[in-house]
Amino acid sequence: MISQLLLSPLLTAEQCRDLVSEADFLTAESFCDSRAAEYLTWRAVLANYLGNVPQIVYTEQGAPRIEGSDLYIGVSHTVDLVAVVVSDEACAVDVERKDRDVKRISERFLSAREREMCCSNEDFITFWCARECYYKLRGDSSLSLLTDMRITAYDQEAGCVTVEDNRAQSSTFRIERTAEHIVVYTI
């Protein structure tokens, strides 16, 4: 699999103007400023990477695709960062700020064993992102983050985490850490 992770701080609408389609620019005008920035930034980042302005369509599950392309894309964003992964196979990405407190809700998405594996808030965030990635990758809305998935391997040093579901399917994801964010994406 060929996979490329693209990260960008949120851009203004004007910074994105020449890198998005007119239709996308007009669509973003109906959004609040933060939503418009997210929407336009990931499209601009993708266009810059591809060297052209792609036409984005959505699958039945709501995942974005590049019309007329064999490439797959995954998108995630926080209040200050956009993450896009581009691949020749199905892919997914999730990004969270390191200061997000997910430990307090961890009973909703982690088993007791998995919570015991977590030594820091960053571990909780990494596990959250891994489950979100797996959910996006499978495109199966019937999967429960708590009961249908489990973390089966976590190697901080190697920067990898593996998620398996109750159907014995699994995926290993790469972990990237910035000063303020954790990004988990398909390898």
N, C-alpha and C. Protein backbone atom coordinates (compact mmCIF):
# COMPACT_ATOMS: atom_id res chain seq x y z
N MET A 1 0.84 -1.18 0.00
CA MET A 1 0.00 0.00 0.00
C MET A 1 0.89 1.24 0.00
N ILE A 2 0.55 2.18 -0.83
CA ILE A 2 1.20 3.49 -0.85
C ILE A 2 0.30 4.43 -0.07
N SER A 3 0.83 5.05 0.97
CA SER A 3 0.03 5.90 1.83
C SER A 3 0.81 7.17 2.16
N GLN A 4 0.14 8.31 2.09
CA GLN A 4 0.78 9.59 2.39
C GLN A 4 -0.08 10.35 3.38
N LEU A 5 0.53 10.78 4.49
CA LEU A 5 -0.16 11.59 5.49
C LEU A 5 0.15 13.06 5.22
N LEU A 6 -0.89 13.88 5.18
CA LEU A 6 -0.76 15.32 4.95
C LEU A 6 -1.37 16.04 6.14
N LEU A 7 -0.62 16.95 6.75
CA LEU A 7 -1.10 17.72 7.89
C LEU A 7 -1.02 19.21 7.56
N SER A 8 -2.00 19.96 8.04
CA SER A 8 -1.99 21.41 7.83
C SER A 8 -2.76 22.10 8.94
N PRO A 9 -2.25 23.26 9.37
CA PRO A 9 -3.09 24.08 10.25
C PRO A 9 -4.29 24.56 9.44
N LEU A 10 -5.35 24.96 10.12
CA LEU A 10 -6.52 25.47 9.41
C LEU A 10 -6.14 26.72 8.65
N LEU A 11 -6.65 26.83 7.44
CA LEU A 11 -6.40 27.97 6.58
C LEU A 11 -7.65 28.84 6.49
N THR A 12 -7.48 30.06 6.08
CA THR A 12 -8.63 30.93 5.87
C THR A 12 -9.25 30.60 4.51
N ALA A 13 -10.47 31.06 4.32
CA ALA A 13 -11.14 30.84 3.05
C ALA A 13 -10.32 31.45 1.91
N GLU A 14 -9.78 32.62 2.12
CA GLU A 14 -8.99 33.28 1.07
C GLU A 14 -7.72 32.50 0.75
N GLN A 15 -7.09 31.88 1.74
CA GLN A 15 -5.91 31.07 1.49
C GLN A 15 -6.24 29.83 0.65
N CYS A 16 -7.48 29.39 0.73
CA CYS A 16 -7.91 28.18 0.01
C CYS A 16 -8.50 28.49 -1.36
N ARG A 17 -8.84 29.72 -1.60
CA ARG A 17 -9.61 30.15 -2.77
C ARG A 17 -9.16 29.51 -4.08
N ASP A 18 -7.86 29.54 -4.37
CA ASP A 18 -7.37 29.04 -5.65
C ASP A 18 -7.11 27.54 -5.66
N LEU A 19 -7.32 26.89 -4.52
CA LEU A 19 -7.04 25.45 -4.43
C LEU A 19 -8.30 24.60 -4.28
N VAL A 20 -9.45 25.22 -4.32
CA VAL A 20 -10.71 24.49 -4.22
C VAL A 20 -11.61 24.87 -5.38
N SER A 21 -12.59 24.04 -5.65
CA SER A 21 -13.52 24.35 -6.73
C SER A 21 -14.44 25.50 -6.32
N GLU A 22 -14.98 26.16 -7.29
CA GLU A 22 -15.92 27.25 -7.01
C GLU A 22 -17.13 26.72 -6.25
N ALA A 23 -17.57 25.52 -6.62
CA ALA A 23 -18.72 24.91 -5.92
C ALA A 23 -18.40 24.68 -4.45
N ASP A 24 -17.21 24.17 -4.14
CA ASP A 24 -16.83 23.95 -2.75
C ASP A 24 -16.71 25.28 -2.00
N PHE A 25 -16.17 26.28 -2.67
CA PHE A 25 -16.03 27.59 -2.03
C PHE A 25 -17.41 28.17 -1.70
N LEU A 26 -18.35 28.04 -2.62
CA LEU A 26 -19.71 28.54 -2.38
C LEU A 26 -20.41 27.73 -1.30
N THR A 27 -20.20 26.43 -1.28
CA THR A 27 -20.80 25.59 -0.24
C THR A 27 -20.29 26.02 1.14
N ALA A 28 -19.01 26.30 1.24
CA ALA A 28 -18.41 26.69 2.52
C ALA A 28 -18.97 28.01 3.04
N GLU A 29 -19.45 28.86 2.16
CA GLU A 29 -20.01 30.14 2.60
C GLU A 29 -21.23 29.97 3.48
N SER A 30 -21.90 28.81 3.38
CA SER A 30 -23.08 28.57 4.20
C SER A 30 -22.73 28.01 5.58
N PHE A 31 -21.47 27.70 5.81
CA PHE A 31 -21.02 27.14 7.08
C PHE A 31 -20.56 28.25 8.03
N CYS A 32 -20.51 27.92 9.33
CA CYS A 32 -19.88 28.83 10.28
C CYS A 32 -18.39 28.89 9.94
N ASP A 33 -17.68 29.87 10.44
CA ASP A 33 -16.27 30.08 10.08
C ASP A 33 -15.39 28.86 10.36
N SER A 34 -15.56 28.23 11.53
CA SER A 34 -14.69 27.10 11.86
C SER A 34 -14.97 25.90 10.95
N ARG A 35 -16.23 25.63 10.68
CA ARG A 35 -16.59 24.51 9.80
C ARG A 35 -16.11 24.79 8.37
N ALA A 36 -16.24 26.03 7.92
CA ALA A 36 -15.77 26.40 6.58
C ALA A 36 -14.27 26.21 6.47
N ALA A 37 -13.53 26.59 7.50
CA ALA A 37 -12.07 26.44 7.49
C ALA A 37 -11.68 24.97 7.39
N GLU A 38 -12.34 24.10 8.15
CA GLU A 38 -12.06 22.67 8.09
C GLU A 38 -12.35 22.12 6.69
N TYR A 39 -13.53 22.43 6.18
CA TYR A 39 -14.01 21.94 4.89
C TYR A 39 -13.08 22.38 3.76
N LEU A 40 -12.72 23.65 3.75
CA LEU A 40 -11.87 24.17 2.68
C LEU A 40 -10.42 23.74 2.84
N THR A 41 -9.92 23.69 4.07
CA THR A 41 -8.51 23.35 4.27
C THR A 41 -8.19 21.96 3.78
N TRP A 42 -9.01 20.96 4.13
CA TRP A 42 -8.63 19.61 3.70
C TRP A 42 -8.71 19.47 2.19
N ARG A 43 -9.62 20.18 1.56
CA ARG A 43 -9.69 20.15 0.10
C ARG A 43 -8.48 20.85 -0.52
N ALA A 44 -8.06 21.97 0.07
CA ALA A 44 -6.90 22.69 -0.43
C ALA A 44 -5.62 21.86 -0.26
N VAL A 45 -5.49 21.21 0.88
CA VAL A 45 -4.32 20.35 1.13
C VAL A 45 -4.28 19.22 0.10
N LEU A 46 -5.41 18.61 -0.17
CA LEU A 46 -5.48 17.53 -1.15
C LEU A 46 -5.15 18.05 -2.55
N ALA A 47 -5.71 19.19 -2.93
CA ALA A 47 -5.43 19.77 -4.25
C ALA A 47 -3.95 20.10 -4.40
N ASN A 48 -3.36 20.65 -3.37
CA ASN A 48 -1.94 20.98 -3.41
C ASN A 48 -1.10 19.71 -3.60
N TYR A 49 -1.47 18.64 -2.91
CA TYR A 49 -0.76 17.37 -3.03
C TYR A 49 -0.91 16.77 -4.43
N LEU A 50 -2.14 16.80 -4.96
CA LEU A 50 -2.42 16.18 -6.26
C LEU A 50 -1.96 17.03 -7.43
N GLY A 51 -1.85 18.32 -7.21
CA GLY A 51 -1.48 19.22 -8.31
C GLY A 51 -2.66 19.66 -9.15
N ASN A 52 -3.86 19.35 -8.71
CA ASN A 52 -5.08 19.80 -9.39
C ASN A 52 -6.22 19.84 -8.39
N VAL A 53 -7.31 20.48 -8.75
CA VAL A 53 -8.47 20.59 -7.88
C VAL A 53 -9.38 19.39 -8.14
N PRO A 54 -9.44 18.46 -7.19
CA PRO A 54 -10.25 17.25 -7.41
C PRO A 54 -11.74 17.51 -7.14
N GLN A 55 -12.56 16.72 -7.79
CA GLN A 55 -14.00 16.73 -7.51
C GLN A 55 -14.24 15.70 -6.41
N ILE A 56 -14.77 16.13 -5.28
CA ILE A 56 -15.01 15.24 -4.14
C ILE A 56 -16.45 14.74 -4.17
N VAL A 57 -16.60 13.43 -4.02
CA VAL A 57 -17.92 12.80 -3.90
C VAL A 57 -17.90 11.99 -2.60
N TYR A 58 -19.05 11.50 -2.21
CA TYR A 58 -19.14 10.76 -0.95
C TYR A 58 -19.77 9.39 -1.18
N THR A 59 -19.25 8.40 -0.46
CA THR A 59 -19.80 7.05 -0.52
C THR A 59 -21.12 7.01 0.25
N GLU A 60 -21.81 5.90 0.17
CA GLU A 60 -23.06 5.72 0.93
C GLU A 60 -22.82 5.86 2.43
N GLN A 61 -21.62 5.49 2.88
CA GLN A 61 -21.29 5.58 4.31
C GLN A 61 -20.83 6.99 4.71
N GLY A 62 -20.73 7.90 3.75
CA GLY A 62 -20.34 9.27 4.04
C GLY A 62 -18.85 9.55 3.93
N ALA A 63 -18.08 8.59 3.45
CA ALA A 63 -16.64 8.78 3.30
C ALA A 63 -16.34 9.55 2.01
N PRO A 64 -15.41 10.49 2.06
CA PRO A 64 -15.08 11.24 0.84
C PRO A 64 -14.26 10.39 -0.13
N ARG A 65 -14.47 10.64 -1.41
CA ARG A 65 -13.71 9.99 -2.49
C ARG A 65 -13.38 11.04 -3.54
N ILE A 66 -12.36 10.77 -4.30
CA ILE A 66 -12.00 11.63 -5.43
C ILE A 66 -12.67 11.04 -6.66
N GLU A 67 -13.58 11.81 -7.24
CA GLU A 67 -14.32 11.31 -8.41
C GLU A 67 -13.36 11.00 -9.55
N GLY A 68 -13.55 9.82 -10.16
CA GLY A 68 -12.74 9.42 -11.30
C GLY A 68 -11.32 9.03 -10.96
N SER A 69 -11.04 8.75 -9.70
CA SER A 69 -9.68 8.39 -9.29
C SER A 69 -9.68 7.05 -8.58
N ASP A 70 -8.56 6.35 -8.70
CA ASP A 70 -8.38 5.09 -7.98
C ASP A 70 -7.82 5.33 -6.58
N LEU A 71 -7.53 6.58 -6.25
CA LEU A 71 -7.00 6.89 -4.92
C LEU A 71 -8.12 6.96 -3.89
N TYR A 72 -7.78 6.59 -2.68
CA TYR A 72 -8.69 6.70 -1.54
C TYR A 72 -8.18 7.83 -0.66
N ILE A 73 -9.10 8.44 0.07
CA ILE A 73 -8.69 9.48 1.01
C ILE A 73 -9.41 9.28 2.34
N GLY A 74 -8.75 9.71 3.38
CA GLY A 74 -9.34 9.75 4.71
C GLY A 74 -9.10 11.15 5.25
N VAL A 75 -10.05 11.66 6.02
CA VAL A 75 -9.97 13.04 6.50
C VAL A 75 -10.36 13.09 7.97
N SER A 76 -9.64 13.93 8.72
CA SER A 76 -10.00 14.22 10.11
C SER A 76 -9.52 15.62 10.42
N HIS A 77 -10.13 16.23 11.44
CA HIS A 77 -9.71 17.58 11.82
C HIS A 77 -10.02 17.84 13.28
N THR A 78 -9.28 18.77 13.84
CA THR A 78 -9.54 19.29 15.17
C THR A 78 -9.77 20.78 15.01
N VAL A 79 -9.79 21.49 16.10
CA VAL A 79 -10.03 22.93 16.04
C VAL A 79 -8.88 23.69 15.38
N ASP A 80 -7.71 23.06 15.23
CA ASP A 80 -6.57 23.78 14.68
C ASP A 80 -5.71 22.99 13.70
N LEU A 81 -6.12 21.77 13.35
CA LEU A 81 -5.32 20.95 12.45
C LEU A 81 -6.21 20.07 11.59
N VAL A 82 -5.80 19.92 10.33
CA VAL A 82 -6.46 19.01 9.40
C VAL A 82 -5.47 17.91 9.04
N ALA A 83 -5.97 16.68 9.01
CA ALA A 83 -5.17 15.53 8.60
C ALA A 83 -5.87 14.85 7.43
N VAL A 84 -5.10 14.58 6.39
CA VAL A 84 -5.61 13.87 5.21
C VAL A 84 -4.65 12.74 4.92
N VAL A 85 -5.17 11.57 4.69
CA VAL A 85 -4.34 10.46 4.24
C VAL A 85 -4.81 10.09 2.84
N VAL A 86 -3.85 9.87 1.95
CA VAL A 86 -4.12 9.51 0.56
C VAL A 86 -3.47 8.16 0.32
N SER A 87 -4.20 7.24 -0.30
CA SER A 87 -3.67 5.89 -0.47
C SER A 87 -4.24 5.24 -1.72
N ASP A 88 -3.57 4.19 -2.17
CA ASP A 88 -4.10 3.40 -3.27
C ASP A 88 -5.01 2.28 -2.77
N GLU A 89 -5.22 2.23 -1.45
CA GLU A 89 -6.16 1.28 -0.83
C GLU A 89 -7.04 2.03 0.16
N ALA A 90 -8.10 1.39 0.60
CA ALA A 90 -8.97 2.02 1.59
C ALA A 90 -8.13 2.51 2.76
N CYS A 91 -8.44 3.69 3.27
CA CYS A 91 -7.60 4.30 4.31
C CYS A 91 -8.46 5.11 5.28
N ALA A 92 -7.84 5.47 6.39
CA ALA A 92 -8.54 6.27 7.39
C ALA A 92 -7.51 7.01 8.23
N VAL A 93 -7.97 8.09 8.85
CA VAL A 93 -7.12 8.89 9.73
C VAL A 93 -7.99 9.49 10.82
N ASP A 94 -7.42 9.68 11.99
CA ASP A 94 -8.09 10.42 13.05
C ASP A 94 -7.04 11.24 13.78
N VAL A 95 -7.39 12.47 14.13
CA VAL A 95 -6.48 13.38 14.82
C VAL A 95 -7.20 13.97 16.02
N GLU A 96 -6.48 14.08 17.12
CA GLU A 96 -7.01 14.71 18.33
C GLU A 96 -5.91 15.54 18.97
N ARG A 97 -6.33 16.56 19.67
CA ARG A 97 -5.39 17.36 20.45
C ARG A 97 -4.96 16.56 21.68
N LYS A 98 -3.72 16.72 22.09
CA LYS A 98 -3.20 16.02 23.26
C LYS A 98 -3.86 16.49 24.55
N ASP A 99 -4.39 17.70 24.55
CA ASP A 99 -5.01 18.22 25.77
C ASP A 99 -6.49 17.84 25.90
N ARG A 100 -7.00 17.05 24.97
CA ARG A 100 -8.38 16.59 25.08
C ARG A 100 -8.47 15.53 26.19
N ASP A 101 -9.47 15.66 27.04
CA ASP A 101 -9.63 14.71 28.15
C ASP A 101 -10.59 13.60 27.75
N VAL A 102 -10.04 12.51 27.21
CA VAL A 102 -10.89 11.37 26.84
C VAL A 102 -10.92 10.31 27.94
N LYS A 103 -10.03 10.42 28.91
CA LYS A 103 -10.00 9.43 29.98
C LYS A 103 -11.34 9.38 30.71
N ARG A 104 -11.96 10.53 30.92
CA ARG A 104 -13.21 10.59 31.68
C ARG A 104 -14.37 9.85 30.98
N ILE A 105 -14.26 9.65 29.67
CA ILE A 105 -15.31 8.92 28.94
C ILE A 105 -14.82 7.56 28.44
N SER A 106 -13.64 7.15 28.89
CA SER A 106 -13.01 5.93 28.35
C SER A 106 -13.84 4.67 28.57
N GLU A 107 -14.70 4.65 29.60
CA GLU A 107 -15.54 3.46 29.81
C GLU A 107 -16.50 3.24 28.65
N ARG A 108 -16.74 4.28 27.87
CA ARG A 108 -17.67 4.18 26.74
C ARG A 108 -17.03 3.55 25.51
N PHE A 109 -15.68 3.50 25.47
CA PHE A 109 -15.04 2.97 24.27
C PHE A 109 -13.88 2.02 24.54
N LEU A 110 -13.48 1.83 25.79
CA LEU A 110 -12.39 0.91 26.11
C LEU A 110 -12.83 -0.12 27.15
N SER A 111 -12.33 -1.32 26.99
CA SER A 111 -12.58 -2.36 27.99
C SER A 111 -11.72 -2.06 29.22
N ALA A 112 -12.00 -2.75 30.32
CA ALA A 112 -11.20 -2.57 31.54
C ALA A 112 -9.74 -2.92 31.28
N ARG A 113 -9.48 -3.98 30.53
CA ARG A 113 -8.11 -4.38 30.21
C ARG A 113 -7.40 -3.29 29.41
N GLU A 114 -8.10 -2.70 28.46
CA GLU A 114 -7.49 -1.65 27.64
C GLU A 114 -7.22 -0.39 28.47
N ARG A 115 -8.13 -0.06 29.38
CA ARG A 115 -7.90 1.10 30.25
C ARG A 115 -6.67 0.87 31.12
N GLU A 116 -6.45 -0.37 31.53
CA GLU A 116 -5.26 -0.70 32.32
C GLU A 116 -3.98 -0.57 31.50
N MET A 117 -4.07 -0.74 30.19
CA MET A 117 -2.91 -0.61 29.30
C MET A 117 -2.46 0.85 29.17
N CYS A 118 -3.37 1.78 29.50
CA CYS A 118 -3.09 3.21 29.32
C CYS A 118 -2.33 3.76 30.52
N CYS A 119 -1.17 4.32 30.24
CA CYS A 119 -0.33 4.90 31.30
C CYS A 119 -0.42 6.43 31.32
N SER A 120 -1.05 7.02 30.31
CA SER A 120 -1.12 8.47 30.22
C SER A 120 -2.36 8.87 29.42
N ASN A 121 -2.69 10.15 29.48
CA ASN A 121 -3.80 10.66 28.69
C ASN A 121 -3.54 10.44 27.20
N GLU A 122 -2.26 10.53 26.79
CA GLU A 122 -1.93 10.31 25.38
C GLU A 122 -2.26 8.89 24.94
N ASP A 123 -2.11 7.91 25.83
CA ASP A 123 -2.50 6.54 25.50
C ASP A 123 -4.00 6.45 25.28
N PHE A 124 -4.78 7.09 26.15
CA PHE A 124 -6.23 7.09 25.98
C PHE A 124 -6.61 7.71 24.64
N ILE A 125 -5.98 8.82 24.30
CA ILE A 125 -6.26 9.50 23.03
C ILE A 125 -5.86 8.61 21.86
N THR A 126 -4.72 7.96 21.96
CA THR A 126 -4.25 7.07 20.90
C THR A 126 -5.25 5.94 20.68
N PHE A 127 -5.73 5.34 21.75
CA PHE A 127 -6.70 4.25 21.62
C PHE A 127 -8.02 4.76 21.03
N TRP A 128 -8.44 5.95 21.43
CA TRP A 128 -9.65 6.56 20.87
C TRP A 128 -9.46 6.73 19.36
N CYS A 129 -8.35 7.33 18.96
CA CYS A 129 -8.08 7.56 17.54
C CYS A 129 -8.01 6.25 16.76
N ALA A 130 -7.38 5.24 17.35
CA ALA A 130 -7.27 3.94 16.68
C ALA A 130 -8.65 3.34 16.42
N ARG A 131 -9.51 3.41 17.41
CA ARG A 131 -10.87 2.88 17.23
C ARG A 131 -11.64 3.69 16.18
N GLU A 132 -11.49 5.01 16.22
CA GLU A 132 -12.15 5.86 15.23
C GLU A 132 -11.65 5.51 13.82
N CYS A 133 -10.35 5.33 13.68
CA CYS A 133 -9.77 4.95 12.39
C CYS A 133 -10.35 3.62 11.90
N TYR A 134 -10.39 2.67 12.81
CA TYR A 134 -10.90 1.35 12.44
C TYR A 134 -12.36 1.45 11.98
N TYR A 135 -13.14 2.20 12.73
CA TYR A 135 -14.56 2.40 12.39
C TYR A 135 -14.69 3.02 11.00
N LYS A 136 -13.90 4.07 10.73
CA LYS A 136 -13.94 4.73 9.42
C LYS A 136 -13.47 3.79 8.32
N LEU A 137 -12.41 3.04 8.59
CA LEU A 137 -11.85 2.13 7.59
C LEU A 137 -12.84 1.05 7.19
N ARG A 138 -13.52 0.49 8.16
CA ARG A 138 -14.49 -0.58 7.87
C ARG A 138 -15.78 -0.05 7.24
N GLY A 139 -16.15 1.19 7.53
CA GLY A 139 -17.37 1.75 6.95
C GLY A 139 -18.62 1.00 7.36
N ASP A 140 -18.59 0.40 8.54
CA ASP A 140 -19.69 -0.42 9.03
C ASP A 140 -20.31 0.25 10.25
N SER A 141 -21.44 0.89 10.06
CA SER A 141 -22.06 1.63 11.15
C SER A 141 -22.60 0.74 12.26
N SER A 142 -22.62 -0.57 12.04
CA SER A 142 -23.10 -1.48 13.09
C SER A 142 -22.01 -1.78 14.12
N LEU A 143 -20.75 -1.43 13.83
CA LEU A 143 -19.66 -1.69 14.78
C LEU A 143 -19.77 -0.77 15.98
N SER A 144 -19.69 -1.35 17.16
CA SER A 144 -19.67 -0.59 18.40
C SER A 144 -18.22 -0.35 18.82
N LEU A 145 -17.88 0.89 19.16
CA LEU A 145 -16.53 1.19 19.61
C LEU A 145 -16.16 0.40 20.85
N LEU A 146 -17.13 0.11 21.71
CA LEU A 146 -16.84 -0.57 22.96
C LEU A 146 -16.89 -2.09 22.84
N THR A 147 -17.95 -2.62 22.25
CA THR A 147 -18.15 -4.07 22.31
C THR A 147 -17.64 -4.84 21.10
N ASP A 148 -17.45 -4.19 19.96
CA ASP A 148 -17.07 -4.92 18.75
C ASP A 148 -15.60 -4.78 18.37
N MET A 149 -14.86 -3.93 19.07
CA MET A 149 -13.45 -3.71 18.75
C MET A 149 -12.60 -3.87 19.99
N ARG A 150 -11.32 -4.24 19.76
CA ARG A 150 -10.38 -4.31 20.88
C ARG A 150 -8.98 -3.98 20.36
N ILE A 151 -8.21 -3.34 21.22
CA ILE A 151 -6.82 -3.07 20.92
C ILE A 151 -6.06 -4.36 21.21
N THR A 152 -5.39 -4.92 20.21
CA THR A 152 -4.68 -6.18 20.40
C THR A 152 -3.16 -5.99 20.49
N ALA A 153 -2.67 -4.86 20.03
CA ALA A 153 -1.23 -4.58 20.13
C ALA A 153 -1.02 -3.08 20.16
N TYR A 154 -0.05 -2.66 20.98
CA TYR A 154 0.27 -1.24 21.11
C TYR A 154 1.76 -1.12 21.37
N ASP A 155 2.47 -0.54 20.41
CA ASP A 155 3.91 -0.38 20.54
C ASP A 155 4.24 1.10 20.38
N GLN A 156 4.40 1.78 21.51
CA GLN A 156 4.69 3.21 21.47
C GLN A 156 5.98 3.51 20.74
N GLU A 157 6.99 2.71 21.01
CA GLU A 157 8.31 2.95 20.41
C GLU A 157 8.26 2.84 18.89
N ALA A 158 7.57 1.83 18.39
CA ALA A 158 7.46 1.64 16.95
C ALA A 158 6.40 2.54 16.34
N GLY A 159 5.54 3.13 17.19
CA GLY A 159 4.48 4.00 16.69
C GLY A 159 3.39 3.27 15.96
N CYS A 160 2.94 2.14 16.53
CA CYS A 160 1.89 1.32 15.89
C CYS A 160 0.86 0.86 16.92
N VAL A 161 -0.36 0.74 16.47
CA VAL A 161 -1.44 0.19 17.29
C VAL A 161 -2.31 -0.67 16.38
N THR A 162 -2.74 -1.83 16.90
CA THR A 162 -3.56 -2.76 16.12
C THR A 162 -4.93 -2.89 16.76
N VAL A 163 -5.94 -2.84 15.92
CA VAL A 163 -7.33 -3.01 16.36
C VAL A 163 -7.90 -4.23 15.64
N GLU A 164 -8.62 -5.04 16.41
CA GLU A 164 -9.30 -6.22 15.85
C GLU A 164 -10.77 -6.10 16.19
N ASP A 165 -11.62 -6.64 15.31
CA ASP A 165 -13.05 -6.62 15.62
C ASP A 165 -13.55 -8.02 15.94
N ASN A 166 -14.82 -8.10 16.28
CA ASN A 166 -15.39 -9.39 16.69
C ASN A 166 -15.60 -10.35 15.52
N ARG A 167 -15.21 -9.94 14.32
CA ARG A 167 -15.28 -10.81 13.15
C ARG A 167 -13.89 -11.30 12.75
N ALA A 168 -12.92 -11.09 13.65
CA ALA A 168 -11.53 -11.51 13.47
C ALA A 168 -10.83 -10.77 12.33
N GLN A 169 -11.32 -9.59 11.99
CA GLN A 169 -10.60 -8.72 11.06
C GLN A 169 -9.76 -7.77 11.90
N SER A 170 -8.62 -7.36 11.38
CA SER A 170 -7.79 -6.43 12.13
C SER A 170 -7.06 -5.50 11.19
N SER A 171 -6.61 -4.38 11.74
CA SER A 171 -5.81 -3.41 11.01
C SER A 171 -4.79 -2.81 11.97
N THR A 172 -3.61 -2.58 11.44
CA THR A 172 -2.57 -1.91 12.20
C THR A 172 -2.44 -0.49 11.68
N PHE A 173 -2.35 0.45 12.61
CA PHE A 173 -2.29 1.87 12.28
C PHE A 173 -0.98 2.47 12.76
N ARG A 174 -0.55 3.49 12.08
CA ARG A 174 0.65 4.25 12.44
C ARG A 174 0.24 5.37 13.38
N ILE A 175 1.09 5.69 14.32
CA ILE A 175 0.85 6.77 15.27
C ILE A 175 1.89 7.86 15.02
N GLU A 176 1.43 9.07 14.79
CA GLU A 176 2.32 10.23 14.66
C GLU A 176 1.97 11.19 15.79
N ARG A 177 3.00 11.72 16.42
CA ARG A 177 2.79 12.68 17.50
C ARG A 177 3.45 14.00 17.12
N THR A 178 2.69 15.08 17.22
CA THR A 178 3.26 16.42 17.06
C THR A 178 3.32 17.01 18.47
N ALA A 179 3.74 18.23 18.57
CA ALA A 179 3.81 18.88 19.89
C ALA A 179 2.43 18.93 20.55
N GLU A 180 1.38 19.09 19.77
CA GLU A 180 0.04 19.28 20.33
C GLU A 180 -0.98 18.24 19.93
N HIS A 181 -0.62 17.31 19.02
CA HIS A 181 -1.62 16.39 18.46
C HIS A 181 -1.14 14.95 18.43
N ILE A 182 -2.13 14.07 18.36
CA ILE A 182 -1.87 12.65 18.07
C ILE A 182 -2.66 12.33 16.81
N VAL A 183 -1.96 11.73 15.84
CA VAL A 183 -2.57 11.36 14.57
C VAL A 183 -2.40 9.86 14.40
N VAL A 184 -3.49 9.17 14.13
CA VAL A 184 -3.45 7.73 13.88
C VAL A 184 -4.01 7.52 12.48
N TYR A 185 -3.30 6.72 11.66
CA TYR A 185 -3.73 6.55 10.28
C TYR A 185 -3.29 5.20 9.74
N THR A 186 -3.92 4.80 8.64
CA THR A 186 -3.60 3.51 8.01
C THR A 186 -2.17 3.55 7.47
N ILE A 187 -1.52 2.44 7.59
CA ILE A 187 -0.14 2.31 7.11
C ILE A 187 -0.17 1.94 5.65
